[in-house]
Amino acid sequence: MQFLADTNITSHSVRALRALGHDVLYAAERDVDQGDEALLREAVAQWRIVVTKDHDFGALVFGQALQHAGIILIDDLGDPKAEAELLATVIERHEADLDAGAFLRVGADGAVRLRP
């Protein structure tokens, strides 16, 4: 799968997703952070799923009705290894939903709320 990881996602998670064979662009590897709207536009243009901890993406998608190719909004777990493991599990379990462009809200307890 193709992802665009926001700057707030740990590098540990990005490396883990890449090790699983996913194509991951990582905003933190860039010289400039262009902001949430620009990140969302880029993800749509390349049909990538945004992975973020930033709740502003919910406002962009549901408040402003901006298009997206799928979003995983995950709580900050405070543990890079746990974050990577939870992301891998969520992606595996919800691959079809993500392929369909779903918005997944992932809590610290692993609970997933799905919005198509």
PDB file of N, CA and C in Angstrom:
ATOM      1  N   MET A   1       0.838  -1.177   0.000  1.00  0.00           N
ATOM      2  CA  MET A   1       0.000   0.000   0.000  1.00  0.00           C
ATOM      3  C   MET A   1       0.885   1.243   0.000  1.00  0.00           C
ATOM      4  N   GLN A   2       0.299   2.347  -0.398  1.00  0.00           N
ATOM      5  CA  GLN A   2       1.039   3.600  -0.460  1.00  0.00           C
ATOM      6  C   GLN A   2       0.549   4.550   0.628  1.00  0.00           C
ATOM      7  N   PHE A   3       1.501   5.072   1.405  1.00  0.00           N
ATOM      8  CA  PHE A   3       1.186   5.954   2.511  1.00  0.00           C
ATOM      9  C   PHE A   3       1.980   7.246   2.415  1.00  0.00           C
ATOM     10  N   LEU A   4       1.433   8.277   3.053  1.00  0.00           N
ATOM     11  CA  LEU A   4       2.130   9.539   3.258  1.00  0.00           C
ATOM     12  C   LEU A   4       2.057   9.803   4.755  1.00  0.00           C
ATOM     13  N   ALA A   5       3.173   9.629   5.444  1.00  0.00           N
ATOM     14  CA  ALA A   5       3.234   9.772   6.894  1.00  0.00           C
ATOM     15  C   ALA A   5       3.532  11.214   7.271  1.00  0.00           C
ATOM     16  N   ASP A   6       2.716  11.743   8.153  1.00  0.00           N
ATOM     17  CA  ASP A   6       2.883  13.098   8.663  1.00  0.00           C
ATOM     18  C   ASP A   6       4.148  13.167   9.528  1.00  0.00           C
ATOM     19  N   THR A   7       4.606  14.373   9.807  1.00  0.00           N
ATOM     20  CA  THR A   7       5.817  14.564  10.595  1.00  0.00           C
ATOM     21  C   THR A   7       5.682  14.041  12.025  1.00  0.00           C
ATOM     22  N   ASN A   8       4.460  13.909  12.528  1.00  0.00           N
ATOM     23  CA  ASN A   8       4.258  13.473  13.911  1.00  0.00           C
ATOM     24  C   ASN A   8       4.279  11.951  14.078  1.00  0.00           C
ATOM     25  N   ILE A   9       4.371  11.227  12.996  1.00  0.00           N
ATOM     26  CA  ILE A   9       4.496   9.770  13.054  1.00  0.00           C
ATOM     27  C   ILE A   9       5.969   9.443  13.324  1.00  0.00           C
ATOM     28  N   THR A  10       6.221   8.475  14.179  1.00  0.00           N
ATOM     29  CA  THR A  10       7.606   8.170  14.530  1.00  0.00           C
ATOM     30  C   THR A  10       8.353   7.534  13.359  1.00  0.00           C
ATOM     31  N   SER A  11       9.633   7.803  13.310  1.00  0.00           N
ATOM     32  CA  SER A  11      10.467   7.193  12.271  1.00  0.00           C
ATOM     33  C   SER A  11      10.479   5.672  12.445  1.00  0.00           C
ATOM     34  N   HIS A  12      10.344   5.199  13.665  1.00  0.00           N
ATOM     35  CA  HIS A  12      10.265   3.761  13.924  1.00  0.00           C
ATOM     36  C   HIS A  12       9.085   3.154  13.162  1.00  0.00           C
ATOM     37  N   SER A  13       7.940   3.830  13.195  1.00  0.00           N
ATOM     38  CA  SER A  13       6.746   3.346  12.484  1.00  0.00           C
ATOM     39  C   SER A  13       6.963   3.355  10.979  1.00  0.00           C
ATOM     40  N   VAL A  14       7.585   4.413  10.486  1.00  0.00           N
ATOM     41  CA  VAL A  14       7.839   4.512   9.045  1.00  0.00           C
ATOM     42  C   VAL A  14       8.757   3.383   8.594  1.00  0.00           C
ATOM     43  N   ARG A  15       9.838   3.137   9.336  1.00  0.00           N
ATOM     44  CA  ARG A  15      10.749   2.041   8.990  1.00  0.00           C
ATOM     45  C   ARG A  15      10.026   0.693   9.047  1.00  0.00           C
ATOM     46  N   ALA A  16       9.175   0.505  10.042  1.00  0.00           N
ATOM     47  CA  ALA A  16       8.445  -0.761  10.174  1.00  0.00           C
ATOM     48  C   ALA A  16       7.491  -0.971   8.999  1.00  0.00           C
ATOM     49  N   LEU A  17       6.788   0.079   8.597  1.00  0.00           N
ATOM     50  CA  LEU A  17       5.879  -0.048   7.449  1.00  0.00           C
ATOM     51  C   LEU A  17       6.652  -0.332   6.163  1.00  0.00           C
ATOM     52  N   ARG A  18       7.769   0.339   5.998  1.00  0.00           N
ATOM     53  CA  ARG A  18       8.604   0.069   4.825  1.00  0.00           C
ATOM     54  C   ARG A  18       9.118  -1.365   4.843  1.00  0.00           C
ATOM     55  N   ALA A  19       9.513  -1.867   6.008  1.00  0.00           N
ATOM     56  CA  ALA A  19      10.004  -3.243   6.126  1.00  0.00           C
ATOM     57  C   ALA A  19       8.921  -4.256   5.772  1.00  0.00           C
ATOM     58  N   LEU A  20       7.660  -3.866   5.948  1.00  0.00           N
ATOM     59  CA  LEU A  20       6.537  -4.738   5.583  1.00  0.00           C
ATOM     60  C   LEU A  20       6.211  -4.649   4.084  1.00  0.00           C
ATOM     61  N   GLY A  21       6.963  -3.824   3.362  1.00  0.00           N
ATOM     62  CA  GLY A  21       6.789  -3.725   1.916  1.00  0.00           C
ATOM     63  C   GLY A  21       5.913  -2.577   1.452  1.00  0.00           C
ATOM     64  N   HIS A  22       5.504  -1.717   2.378  1.00  0.00           N
ATOM     65  CA  HIS A  22       4.666  -0.580   1.997  1.00  0.00           C
ATOM     66  C   HIS A  22       5.531   0.556   1.451  1.00  0.00           C
ATOM     67  N   ASP A  23       4.955   1.307   0.533  1.00  0.00           N
ATOM     68  CA  ASP A  23       5.601   2.479  -0.047  1.00  0.00           C
ATOM     69  C   ASP A  23       5.207   3.673   0.827  1.00  0.00           C
ATOM     70  N   VAL A  24       6.174   4.213   1.578  1.00  0.00           N
ATOM     71  CA  VAL A  24       5.874   5.272   2.534  1.00  0.00           C
ATOM     72  C   VAL A  24       6.721   6.504   2.248  1.00  0.00           C
ATOM     73  N   LEU A  25       6.042   7.608   1.939  1.00  0.00           N
ATOM     74  CA  LEU A  25       6.692   8.914   1.903  1.00  0.00           C
ATOM     75  C   LEU A  25       6.568   9.493   3.307  1.00  0.00           C
ATOM     76  N   TYR A  26       7.627  10.105   3.799  1.00  0.00           N
ATOM     77  CA  TYR A  26       7.652  10.589   5.182  1.00  0.00           C
ATOM     78  C   TYR A  26       7.927  12.086   5.192  1.00  0.00           C
ATOM     79  N   ALA A  27       6.948  12.862   5.609  1.00  0.00           N
ATOM     80  CA  ALA A  27       7.061  14.320   5.592  1.00  0.00           C
ATOM     81  C   ALA A  27       8.234  14.818   6.435  1.00  0.00           C
ATOM     82  N   ALA A  28       8.609  14.089   7.471  1.00  0.00           N
ATOM     83  CA  ALA A  28       9.725  14.505   8.329  1.00  0.00           C
ATOM     84  C   ALA A  28      11.076  14.375   7.628  1.00  0.00           C
ATOM     85  N   GLU A  29      11.136  13.684   6.515  1.00  0.00           N
ATOM     86  CA  GLU A  29      12.383  13.554   5.761  1.00  0.00           C
ATOM     87  C   GLU A  29      12.575  14.713   4.776  1.00  0.00           C
ATOM     88  N   ARG A  30      11.658  15.651   4.786  1.00  0.00           N
ATOM     89  CA  ARG A  30      11.729  16.800   3.882  1.00  0.00           C
ATOM     90  C   ARG A  30      12.299  18.010   4.608  1.00  0.00           C
ATOM     91  N   ASP A  31      12.780  18.954   3.837  1.00  0.00           N
ATOM     92  CA  ASP A  31      13.358  20.169   4.411  1.00  0.00           C
ATOM     93  C   ASP A  31      12.299  21.099   4.999  1.00  0.00           C
ATOM     94  N   VAL A  32      11.096  21.110   4.408  1.00  0.00           N
ATOM     95  CA  VAL A  32      10.057  22.054   4.805  1.00  0.00           C
ATOM     96  C   VAL A  32       8.746  21.312   5.044  1.00  0.00           C
ATOM     97  N   ASP A  33       8.076  21.669   6.129  1.00  0.00           N
ATOM     98  CA  ASP A  33       6.730  21.150   6.397  1.00  0.00           C
ATOM     99  C   ASP A  33       5.748  22.108   5.747  1.00  0.00           C
ATOM    100  N   GLN A  34       5.051  21.641   4.718  1.00  0.00           N
ATOM    101  CA  GLN A  34       4.165  22.508   3.949  1.00  0.00           C
ATOM    102  C   GLN A  34       2.773  22.632   4.555  1.00  0.00           C
ATOM    103  N   GLY A  35       2.494  21.927   5.628  1.00  0.00           N
ATOM    104  CA  GLY A  35       1.204  22.058   6.294  1.00  0.00           C
ATOM    105  C   GLY A  35       0.234  20.954   5.914  1.00  0.00           C
ATOM    106  N   ASP A  36      -0.825  20.877   6.692  1.00  0.00           N
ATOM    107  CA  ASP A  36      -1.786  19.790   6.562  1.00  0.00           C
ATOM    108  C   ASP A  36      -2.525  19.776   5.224  1.00  0.00           C
ATOM    109  N   GLU A  37      -2.991  20.927   4.786  1.00  0.00           N
ATOM    110  CA  GLU A  37      -3.746  20.962   3.524  1.00  0.00           C
ATOM    111  C   GLU A  37      -2.871  20.549   2.344  1.00  0.00           C
ATOM    112  N   ALA A  38      -1.639  21.009   2.318  1.00  0.00           N
ATOM    113  CA  ALA A  38      -0.723  20.637   1.238  1.00  0.00           C
ATOM    114  C   ALA A  38      -0.420  19.144   1.281  1.00  0.00           C
ATOM    115  N   LEU A  39      -0.256  18.606   2.486  1.00  0.00           N
ATOM    116  CA  LEU A  39      -0.012  17.173   2.637  1.00  0.00           C
ATOM    117  C   LEU A  39      -1.211  16.375   2.122  1.00  0.00           C
ATOM    118  N   LEU A  40      -2.400  16.835   2.451  1.00  0.00           N
ATOM    119  CA  LEU A  40      -3.612  16.154   1.999  1.00  0.00           C
ATOM    120  C   LEU A  40      -3.750  16.222   0.480  1.00  0.00           C
ATOM    121  N   ARG A  41      -3.467  17.373  -0.097  1.00  0.00           N
ATOM    122  CA  ARG A  41      -3.524  17.501  -1.570  1.00  0.00           C
ATOM    123  C   ARG A  41      -2.522  16.573  -2.242  1.00  0.00           C
ATOM    124  N   GLU A  42      -1.320  16.499  -1.700  1.00  0.00           N
ATOM    125  CA  GLU A  42      -0.303  15.604  -2.257  1.00  0.00           C
ATOM    126  C   GLU A  42      -0.755  14.149  -2.175  1.00  0.00           C
ATOM    127  N   ALA A  43      -1.305  13.778  -1.043  1.00  0.00           N
ATOM    128  CA  ALA A  43      -1.777  12.402  -0.863  1.00  0.00           C
ATOM    129  C   ALA A  43      -2.867  12.059  -1.870  1.00  0.00           C
ATOM    130  N   VAL A  44      -3.779  12.976  -2.105  1.00  0.00           N
ATOM    131  CA  VAL A  44      -4.852  12.740  -3.081  1.00  0.00           C
ATOM    132  C   VAL A  44      -4.264  12.634  -4.484  1.00  0.00           C
ATOM    133  N   ALA A  45      -3.352  13.518  -4.831  1.00  0.00           N
ATOM    134  CA  ALA A  45      -2.755  13.517  -6.173  1.00  0.00           C
ATOM    135  C   ALA A  45      -2.030  12.205  -6.468  1.00  0.00           C
ATOM    136  N   GLN A  46      -1.446  11.598  -5.420  1.00  0.00           N
ATOM    137  CA  GLN A  46      -0.706  10.343  -5.593  1.00  0.00           C
ATOM    138  C   GLN A  46      -1.494   9.130  -5.093  1.00  0.00           C
ATOM    139  N   TRP A  47      -2.728   9.366  -4.676  1.00  0.00           N
ATOM    140  CA  TRP A  47      -3.618   8.350  -4.107  1.00  0.00           C
ATOM    141  C   TRP A  47      -2.903   7.558  -3.003  1.00  0.00           C
ATOM    142  N   ARG A  48      -2.417   8.319  -2.004  1.00  0.00           N
ATOM    143  CA  ARG A  48      -1.747   7.755  -0.832  1.00  0.00           C
ATOM    144  C   ARG A  48      -2.619   7.955   0.398  1.00  0.00           C
ATOM    145  N   ILE A  49      -2.518   7.056   1.312  1.00  0.00           N
ATOM    146  CA  ILE A  49      -3.233   7.121   2.570  1.00  0.00           C
ATOM    147  C   ILE A  49      -2.395   7.931   3.558  1.00  0.00           C
ATOM    148  N   VAL A  50      -2.993   8.943   4.161  1.00  0.00           N
ATOM    149  CA  VAL A  50      -2.296   9.763   5.146  1.00  0.00           C
ATOM    150  C   VAL A  50      -2.290   9.029   6.482  1.00  0.00           C
ATOM    151  N   VAL A  51      -1.131   8.985   7.125  1.00  0.00           N
ATOM    152  CA  VAL A  51      -0.993   8.451   8.476  1.00  0.00           C
ATOM    153  C   VAL A  51      -0.569   9.615   9.357  1.00  0.00           C
ATOM    154  N   THR A  52      -1.360   9.907  10.389  1.00  0.00           N
ATOM    155  CA  THR A  52      -1.117  11.097  11.200  1.00  0.00           C
ATOM    156  C   THR A  52      -1.610  10.919  12.629  1.00  0.00           C
ATOM    157  N   LYS A  53      -1.169  11.819  13.488  1.00  0.00           N
ATOM    158  CA  LYS A  53      -1.696  11.942  14.851  1.00  0.00           C
ATOM    159  C   LYS A  53      -2.426  13.273  15.006  1.00  0.00           C
ATOM    160  N   ASP A  54      -2.519  14.019  13.939  1.00  0.00           N
ATOM    161  CA  ASP A  54      -3.051  15.379  13.940  1.00  0.00           C
ATOM    162  C   ASP A  54      -4.559  15.370  13.703  1.00  0.00           C
ATOM    163  N   HIS A  55      -5.299  15.777  14.714  1.00  0.00           N
ATOM    164  CA  HIS A  55      -6.763  15.787  14.623  1.00  0.00           C
ATOM    165  C   HIS A  55      -7.291  16.846  13.658  1.00  0.00           C
ATOM    166  N   ASP A  56      -6.439  17.749  13.212  1.00  0.00           N
ATOM    167  CA  ASP A  56      -6.863  18.739  12.222  1.00  0.00           C
ATOM    168  C   ASP A  56      -7.308  18.070  10.921  1.00  0.00           C
ATOM    169  N   PHE A  57      -6.816  16.871  10.652  1.00  0.00           N
ATOM    170  CA  PHE A  57      -7.235  16.180   9.423  1.00  0.00           C
ATOM    171  C   PHE A  57      -8.714  15.828   9.474  1.00  0.00           C
ATOM    172  N   GLY A  58      -9.232  15.552  10.641  1.00  0.00           N
ATOM    173  CA  GLY A  58     -10.674  15.320  10.774  1.00  0.00           C
ATOM    174  C   GLY A  58     -11.456  16.567  10.407  1.00  0.00           C
ATOM    175  N   ALA A  59     -10.976  17.728  10.840  1.00  0.00           N
ATOM    176  CA  ALA A  59     -11.630  18.996  10.501  1.00  0.00           C
ATOM    177  C   ALA A  59     -11.554  19.274   9.007  1.00  0.00           C
ATOM    178  N   LEU A  60     -10.425  18.944   8.391  1.00  0.00           N
ATOM    179  CA  LEU A  60     -10.282  19.169   6.953  1.00  0.00           C
ATOM    180  C   LEU A  60     -11.231  18.283   6.155  1.00  0.00           C
ATOM    181  N   VAL A  61     -11.342  17.032   6.572  1.00  0.00           N
ATOM    182  CA  VAL A  61     -12.159  16.068   5.825  1.00  0.00           C
ATOM    183  C   VAL A  61     -13.651  16.238   6.129  1.00  0.00           C
ATOM    184  N   PHE A  62     -13.988  16.323   7.407  1.00  0.00           N
ATOM    185  CA  PHE A  62     -15.409  16.354   7.767  1.00  0.00           C
ATOM    186  C   PHE A  62     -15.954  17.761   7.909  1.00  0.00           C
ATOM    187  N   GLY A  63     -15.111  18.719   8.282  1.00  0.00           N
ATOM    188  CA  GLY A  63     -15.564  20.097   8.415  1.00  0.00           C
ATOM    189  C   GLY A  63     -15.532  20.854   7.098  1.00  0.00           C
ATOM    190  N   GLN A  64     -14.449  20.679   6.346  1.00  0.00           N
ATOM    191  CA  GLN A  64     -14.292  21.406   5.087  1.00  0.00           C
ATOM    192  C   GLN A  64     -14.591  20.540   3.862  1.00  0.00           C
ATOM    193  N   ALA A  65     -14.871  19.280   4.090  1.00  0.00           N
ATOM    194  CA  ALA A  65     -15.215  18.335   3.015  1.00  0.00           C
ATOM    195  C   ALA A  65     -14.120  18.226   1.955  1.00  0.00           C
ATOM    196  N   LEU A  66     -12.853  18.271   2.395  1.00  0.00           N
ATOM    197  CA  LEU A  66     -11.752  18.096   1.454  1.00  0.00           C
ATOM    198  C   LEU A  66     -11.608  16.619   1.098  1.00  0.00           C
ATOM    199  N   GLN A  67     -11.265  16.378  -0.131  1.00  0.00           N
ATOM    200  CA  GLN A  67     -11.102  15.007  -0.627  1.00  0.00           C
ATOM    201  C   GLN A  67      -9.872  14.369   0.006  1.00  0.00           C
ATOM    202  N   HIS A  68      -9.935  13.059   0.159  1.00  0.00           N
ATOM    203  CA  HIS A  68      -8.783  12.306   0.652  1.00  0.00           C
ATOM    204  C   HIS A  68      -8.801  10.920   0.031  1.00  0.00           C
ATOM    205  N   ALA A  69      -7.666  10.238   0.123  1.00  0.00           N
ATOM    206  CA  ALA A  69      -7.536   8.882  -0.433  1.00  0.00           C
ATOM    207  C   ALA A  69      -7.513   7.841   0.677  1.00  0.00           C
ATOM    208  N   GLY A  70      -7.850   8.267   1.882  1.00  0.00           N
ATOM    209  CA  GLY A  70      -7.815   7.411   3.056  1.00  0.00           C
ATOM    210  C   GLY A  70      -6.947   8.054   4.113  1.00  0.00           C
ATOM    211  N   ILE A  71      -7.354   7.910   5.363  1.00  0.00           N
ATOM    212  CA  ILE A  71      -6.607   8.504   6.467  1.00  0.00           C
ATOM    213  C   ILE A  71      -6.618   7.542   7.641  1.00  0.00           C
ATOM    214  N   ILE A  72      -5.451   7.408   8.266  1.00  0.00           N
ATOM    215  CA  ILE A  72      -5.346   6.721   9.549  1.00  0.00           C
ATOM    216  C   ILE A  72      -4.945   7.788  10.559  1.00  0.00           C
ATOM    217  N   LEU A  73      -5.856   8.105  11.476  1.00  0.00           N
ATOM    218  CA  LEU A  73      -5.599   9.051  12.552  1.00  0.00           C
ATOM    219  C   LEU A  73      -5.412   8.235  13.819  1.00  0.00           C
ATOM    220  N   ILE A  74      -4.201   8.214  14.334  1.00  0.00           N
ATOM    221  CA  ILE A  74      -3.857   7.372  15.476  1.00  0.00           C
ATOM    222  C   ILE A  74      -3.510   8.237  16.686  1.00  0.00           C
ATOM    223  N   ASP A  75      -3.949   7.803  17.859  1.00  0.00           N
ATOM    224  CA  ASP A  75      -3.575   8.490  19.089  1.00  0.00           C
ATOM    225  C   ASP A  75      -2.078   8.348  19.323  1.00  0.00           C
ATOM    226  N   ASP A  76      -1.515   9.324  20.013  1.00  0.00           N
ATOM    227  CA  ASP A  76      -0.104   9.252  20.379  1.00  0.00           C
ATOM    228  C   ASP A  76       0.036   8.271  21.533  1.00  0.00           C
ATOM    229  N   LEU A  77       0.710   7.180  21.295  1.00  0.00           N
ATOM    230  CA  LEU A  77       0.865   6.136  22.302  1.00  0.00           C
ATOM    231  C   LEU A  77       2.038   6.388  23.234  1.00  0.00           C
ATOM    232  N   GLY A  78       2.937   7.280  22.851  1.00  0.00           N
ATOM    233  CA  GLY A  78       4.109   7.556  23.663  1.00  0.00           C
ATOM    234  C   GLY A  78       5.155   6.451  23.623  1.00  0.00           C
ATOM    235  N   ASP A  79       4.972   5.502  22.722  1.00  0.00           N
ATOM    236  CA  ASP A  79       5.877   4.354  22.614  1.00  0.00           C
ATOM    237  C   ASP A  79       6.022   4.015  21.133  1.00  0.00           C
ATOM    238  N   PRO A  80       7.160   4.362  20.521  1.00  0.00           N
ATOM    239  CA  PRO A  80       7.341   4.135  19.086  1.00  0.00           C
ATOM    240  C   PRO A  80       7.117   2.686  18.652  1.00  0.00           C
ATOM    241  N   LYS A  81       7.575   1.738  19.444  1.00  0.00           N
ATOM    242  CA  LYS A  81       7.403   0.330  19.077  1.00  0.00           C
ATOM    243  C   LYS A  81       5.916  -0.055  19.099  1.00  0.00           C
ATOM    244  N   ALA A  82       5.201   0.373  20.124  1.00  0.00           N
ATOM    245  CA  ALA A  82       3.764   0.080  20.211  1.00  0.00           C
ATOM    246  C   ALA A  82       3.006   0.743  19.066  1.00  0.00           C
ATOM    247  N   GLU A  83       3.410   1.958  18.703  1.00  0.00           N
ATOM    248  CA  GLU A  83       2.776   2.656  17.585  1.00  0.00           C
ATOM    249  C   GLU A  83       2.955   1.869  16.289  1.00  0.00           C
ATOM    250  N   ALA A  84       4.170   1.431  16.039  1.00  0.00           N
ATOM    251  CA  ALA A  84       4.458   0.679  14.813  1.00  0.00           C
ATOM    252  C   ALA A  84       3.660  -0.616  14.767  1.00  0.00           C
ATOM    253  N   GLU A  85       3.589  -1.315  15.885  1.00  0.00           N
ATOM    254  CA  GLU A  85       2.844  -2.572  15.935  1.00  0.00           C
ATOM    255  C   GLU A  85       1.351  -2.345  15.724  1.00  0.00           C
ATOM    256  N   LEU A  86       0.811  -1.300  16.359  1.00  0.00           N
ATOM    257  CA  LEU A  86      -0.610  -1.007  16.198  1.00  0.00           C
ATOM    258  C   LEU A  86      -0.928  -0.614  14.760  1.00  0.00           C
ATOM    259  N   LEU A  87      -0.089   0.215  14.156  1.00  0.00           N
ATOM    260  CA  LEU A  87      -0.318   0.595  12.754  1.00  0.00           C
ATOM    261  C   LEU A  87      -0.303  -0.624  11.839  1.00  0.00           C
ATOM    262  N   ALA A  88       0.671  -1.500  12.024  1.00  0.00           N
ATOM    263  CA  ALA A  88       0.760  -2.701  11.191  1.00  0.00           C
ATOM    264  C   ALA A  88      -0.495  -3.558  11.338  1.00  0.00           C
ATOM    265  N   THR A  89      -0.981  -3.709  12.550  1.00  0.00           N
ATOM    266  CA  THR A  89      -2.185  -4.500  12.798  1.00  0.00           C
ATOM    267  C   THR A  89      -3.411  -3.862  12.158  1.00  0.00           C
ATOM    268  N   VAL A  90      -3.556  -2.554  12.336  1.00  0.00           N
ATOM    269  CA  VAL A  90      -4.710  -1.836  11.774  1.00  0.00           C
ATOM    270  C   VAL A  90      -4.702  -1.924  10.251  1.00  0.00           C
ATOM    271  N   ILE A  91      -3.548  -1.738   9.650  1.00  0.00           N
ATOM    272  CA  ILE A  91      -3.451  -1.806   8.186  1.00  0.00           C
ATOM    273  C   ILE A  91      -3.806  -3.201   7.693  1.00  0.00           C
ATOM    274  N   GLU A  92      -3.310  -4.216   8.352  1.00  0.00           N
ATOM    275  CA  GLU A  92      -3.613  -5.592   7.940  1.00  0.00           C
ATOM    276  C   GLU A  92      -5.108  -5.890   8.057  1.00  0.00           C
ATOM    277  N   ARG A  93      -5.711  -5.483   9.151  1.00  0.00           N
ATOM    278  CA  ARG A  93      -7.128  -5.786   9.398  1.00  0.00           C
ATOM    279  C   ARG A  93      -8.078  -4.946   8.547  1.00  0.00           C
ATOM    280  N   HIS A  94      -7.635  -3.766   8.151  1.00  0.00           N
ATOM    281  CA  HIS A  94      -8.529  -2.836   7.449  1.00  0.00           C
ATOM    282  C   HIS A  94      -8.030  -2.491   6.050  1.00  0.00           C
ATOM    283  N   GLU A  95      -7.294  -3.398   5.444  1.00  0.00           N
ATOM    284  CA  GLU A  95      -6.734  -3.141   4.119  1.00  0.00           C
ATOM    285  C   GLU A  95      -7.822  -2.795   3.101  1.00  0.00           C
ATOM    286  N   ALA A  96      -8.891  -3.553   3.085  1.00  0.00           N
ATOM    287  CA  ALA A  96      -9.973  -3.301   2.120  1.00  0.00           C
ATOM    288  C   ALA A  96     -10.622  -1.944   2.370  1.00  0.00           C
ATOM    289  N   ASP A  97     -10.817  -1.582   3.635  1.00  0.00           N
ATOM    290  CA  ASP A  97     -11.398  -0.275   3.954  1.00  0.00           C
ATOM    291  C   ASP A  97     -10.477   0.851   3.496  1.00  0.00           C
ATOM    292  N   LEU A  98      -9.191   0.687   3.748  1.00  0.00           N
ATOM    293  CA  LEU A  98      -8.231   1.710   3.342  1.00  0.00           C
ATOM    294  C   LEU A  98      -8.150   1.824   1.822  1.00  0.00           C
ATOM    295  N   ASP A  99      -8.191   0.689   1.135  1.00  0.00           N
ATOM    296  CA  ASP A  99      -8.196   0.714  -0.331  1.00  0.00           C
ATOM    297  C   ASP A  99      -9.403   1.486  -0.860  1.00  0.00           C
ATOM    298  N   ALA A 100     -10.493   1.474  -0.098  1.00  0.00           N
ATOM    299  CA  ALA A 100     -11.718   2.167  -0.503  1.00  0.00           C
ATOM    300  C   ALA A 100     -11.730   3.626  -0.055  1.00  0.00           C
ATOM    301  N   GLY A 101     -10.636   4.072   0.580  1.00  0.00           N
ATOM    302  CA  GLY A 101     -10.541   5.477   0.962  1.00  0.00           C
ATOM    303  C   GLY A 101     -11.189   5.814   2.294  1.00  0.00           C
ATOM    304  N   ALA A 102     -11.211   4.891   3.228  1.00  0.00           N
ATOM    305  CA  ALA A 102     -11.849   5.121   4.517  1.00  0.00           C
ATOM    306  C   ALA A 102     -11.010   6.025   5.420  1.00  0.00           C
ATOM    307  N   PHE A 103     -11.688   6.598   6.401  1.00  0.00           N
ATOM    308  CA  PHE A 103     -11.048   7.375   7.459  1.00  0.00           C
ATOM    309  C   PHE A 103     -11.105   6.506   8.708  1.00  0.00           C
ATOM    310  N   LEU A 104      -9.936   6.107   9.205  1.00  0.00           N
ATOM    311  CA  LEU A 104      -9.861   5.269  10.398  1.00  0.00           C
ATOM    312  C   LEU A 104      -9.349   6.099  11.566  1.00  0.00           C
ATOM    313  N   ARG A 105     -10.090   6.079  12.652  1.00  0.00           N
ATOM    314  CA  ARG A 105      -9.674   6.749  13.890  1.00  0.00           C
ATOM    315  C   ARG A 105      -9.259   5.649  14.857  1.00  0.00           C
ATOM    316  N   VAL A 106      -7.972   5.615  15.227  1.00  0.00           N
ATOM    317  CA  VAL A 106      -7.420   4.539  16.040  1.00  0.00           C
ATOM    318  C   VAL A 106      -7.075   5.073  17.428  1.00  0.00           C
ATOM    319  N   GLY A 107      -7.736   4.523  18.439  1.00  0.00           N
ATOM    320  CA  GLY A 107      -7.492   4.942  19.812  1.00  0.00           C
ATOM    321  C   GLY A 107      -6.266   4.269  20.399  1.00  0.00           C
ATOM    322  N   ALA A 108      -5.830   4.785  21.538  1.00  0.00           N
ATOM    323  CA  ALA A 108      -4.659   4.221  22.218  1.00  0.00           C
ATOM    324  C   ALA A 108      -4.904   2.781  22.648  1.00  0.00           C
ATOM    325  N   ASP A 109      -6.180   2.436  22.834  1.00  0.00           N
ATOM    326  CA  ASP A 109      -6.526   1.064  23.238  1.00  0.00           C
ATOM    327  C   ASP A 109      -6.639   0.121  22.048  1.00  0.00           C
ATOM    328  N   GLY A 110      -6.398   0.639  20.840  1.00  0.00           N
ATOM    329  CA  GLY A 110      -6.481  -0.175  19.633  1.00  0.00           C
ATOM    330  C   GLY A 110      -7.855  -0.189  18.993  1.00  0.00           C
ATOM    331  N   ALA A 111      -8.830   0.437  19.645  1.00  0.00           N
ATOM    332  CA  ALA A 111     -10.174   0.485  19.076  1.00  0.00           C
ATOM    333  C   ALA A 111     -10.155   1.342  17.802  1.00  0.00           C
ATOM    334  N   VAL A 112     -10.854   0.859  16.784  1.00  0.00           N
ATOM    335  CA  VAL A 112     -10.883   1.549  15.495  1.00  0.00           C
ATOM    336  C   VAL A 112     -12.304   1.995  15.186  1.00  0.00           C
ATOM    337  N   ARG A 113     -12.444   3.269  14.895  1.00  0.00           N
ATOM    338  CA  ARG A 113     -13.719   3.794  14.394  1.00  0.00           C
ATOM    339  C   ARG A 113     -13.540   4.055  12.905  1.00  0.00           C
ATOM    340  N   LEU A 114     -14.428   3.535  12.127  1.00  0.00           N
ATOM    341  CA  LEU A 114     -14.317   3.582  10.674  1.00  0.00           C
ATOM    342  C   LEU A 114     -15.386   4.489  10.108  1.00  0.00           C
ATOM    343  N   ARG A 115     -14.950   5.397   9.234  1.00  0.00           N
ATOM    344  CA  ARG A 115     -15.897   6.223   8.483  1.00  0.00           C
ATOM    345  C   ARG A 115     -15.550   6.084   7.006  1.00  0.00           C
ATOM    346  N   PRO A 116     -16.489   5.594   6.235  1.00  0.00           N
ATOM    347  CA  PRO A 116     -16.215   5.417   4.793  1.00  0.00           C
ATOM    348  C   PRO A 116     -16.002   6.737   4.066  1.00  0.00           C
TER     349      PRO A 116
END
